[in-house]
Protein backbone atom coordinates (compact mmCIF):
# COMPACT_ATOMS: atom_id res chain seq x y z
CA UNK A 1 174.45 -18.62 125.84
CA UNK A 2 173.77 -19.66 129.41
CA UNK A 3 174.34 -17.12 132.10
CA UNK A 4 177.07 -18.32 134.50
CA UNK A 5 176.76 -17.83 138.22
CA UNK A 6 179.54 -15.94 139.96
CA UNK A 7 180.75 -19.18 141.56
CA UNK A 8 180.79 -21.10 138.28
CA UNK A 9 182.57 -18.23 136.57
CA UNK A 10 185.14 -18.05 139.38
CA UNK A 11 185.78 -21.79 139.21
CA UNK A 12 186.09 -21.65 135.43
CA UNK A 13 188.60 -18.81 135.71
CA UNK A 14 190.68 -20.91 138.10
CA UNK A 15 190.45 -23.93 135.78
CA UNK A 16 188.37 -25.87 138.30
CA UNK A 17 185.13 -27.75 137.97
CA UNK A 18 182.43 -28.23 140.55
CA UNK A 19 183.65 -31.81 141.02
CA UNK A 20 187.14 -30.57 141.83
CA UNK A 21 185.61 -28.39 144.51
CA UNK A 22 183.66 -31.24 146.13
CA UNK A 23 183.89 -31.98 149.83
CA UNK A 24 187.09 -33.68 150.99
CA UNK A 25 186.04 -36.39 153.42
CA UNK A 26 189.43 -36.76 155.06
CA UNK A 27 189.68 -33.01 155.66
CA UNK A 28 186.19 -32.94 157.18
CA UNK A 29 187.10 -35.93 159.35
CA UNK A 30 190.20 -34.11 160.62
CA UNK A 31 188.14 -31.05 161.52
CA UNK A 32 185.57 -32.78 163.70
CA UNK A 33 185.08 -36.53 163.55
CA UNK A 34 188.58 -37.43 164.73
CA UNK A 35 187.76 -36.19 168.24
CA UNK A 36 185.72 -39.32 168.96
CA UNK A 37 186.55 -41.70 166.11
CA UNK A 38 190.33 -41.67 166.72
CA UNK A 39 189.98 -42.60 170.39
CA UNK A 40 186.67 -44.46 170.45
CA UNK A 41 185.18 -41.91 172.88
CA UNK A 42 181.59 -42.55 173.94
CA UNK A 43 181.56 -45.84 172.03
CA UNK A 44 182.36 -44.33 168.63
CA UNK A 45 183.79 -46.93 166.24
CA UNK A 46 187.49 -46.16 165.78
CA UNK A 47 188.74 -45.18 162.35
CA UNK A 48 190.02 -48.30 160.59
CA UNK A 49 188.52 -50.80 163.05
CA UNK A 50 187.06 -53.26 160.57
CA UNK A 51 185.26 -55.35 163.20
CA UNK A 52 183.52 -52.33 164.72
CA UNK A 53 182.54 -50.88 161.34
CA UNK A 54 181.41 -54.13 159.64
CA UNK A 55 177.88 -54.25 161.12
CA UNK A 56 177.43 -50.54 160.47
CA UNK A 57 178.61 -50.82 156.87
CA UNK A 58 176.29 -53.80 156.39
CA UNK A 59 173.32 -51.50 157.10
CA UNK A 60 174.18 -49.49 153.98
CA UNK A 61 175.39 -45.98 153.35
CA UNK A 62 171.93 -44.44 153.68
CA UNK A 63 171.75 -45.65 157.28
CA UNK A 64 175.27 -44.34 157.99
CA UNK A 65 174.46 -40.98 156.40
CA UNK A 66 171.23 -40.75 158.43
CA UNK A 67 173.08 -41.40 161.70
CA UNK A 68 175.82 -38.91 160.89
CA UNK A 69 173.42 -36.20 159.74
CA UNK A 70 170.86 -36.63 162.53
CA UNK A 71 172.93 -37.99 165.41
CA UNK A 72 172.86 -41.34 167.16
CA UNK A 73 173.42 -42.23 170.80
CA UNK A 74 176.14 -39.87 172.13
CA UNK A 75 176.98 -38.49 168.67
CA UNK A 76 175.24 -35.20 167.96
CA UNK A 77 173.89 -34.38 164.51
CA UNK A 78 176.73 -33.64 162.10
CA UNK A 79 179.17 -34.40 164.90
CA UNK A 80 178.16 -31.12 166.48
CA UNK A 81 179.32 -29.15 163.43
CA UNK A 82 176.12 -27.63 162.13
CA UNK A 83 178.22 -25.43 159.87
CA UNK A 84 179.08 -28.49 157.76
CA UNK A 85 176.93 -29.14 154.71
CA UNK A 86 175.22 -32.48 154.29
CA UNK A 87 177.71 -33.19 151.49
CA UNK A 88 180.62 -32.53 153.87
CA UNK A 89 179.23 -35.00 156.39
CA UNK A 90 178.55 -37.63 153.73
CA UNK A 91 182.11 -37.22 152.42
CA UNK A 92 183.45 -37.81 155.94
CA UNK A 93 181.30 -40.95 156.26
CA UNK A 94 182.60 -42.17 152.90
CA UNK A 95 186.17 -41.57 154.08
CA UNK A 96 185.61 -43.46 157.35
CA UNK A 97 183.99 -46.38 155.53
CA UNK A 98 186.88 -46.53 153.06
CA UNK A 99 189.29 -46.89 155.99
CA UNK A 100 187.38 -49.88 157.39
CA UNK A 101 187.04 -51.95 154.21
């Protein structure tokens, strides 16, 4: 029998899977990204602005993830939230893209 990690055991006891515990892109967005992407501050494409997001989306998700994780122009790496995991940031990118399609 495989030895379970404390986290896996805790999730199993709560009836959750690792997938159910995955990053919530909208929640991450509301914790950090909204500050610029709701208002368009410093040239950030506004959430839901299809015209502004279209050329970015056309570059592919890897390019969007790279920009979000490493920073671009006025946007700092991870939106200045170095406490976020890469998965958190990618989930926020996925959420923002979903709002512009």
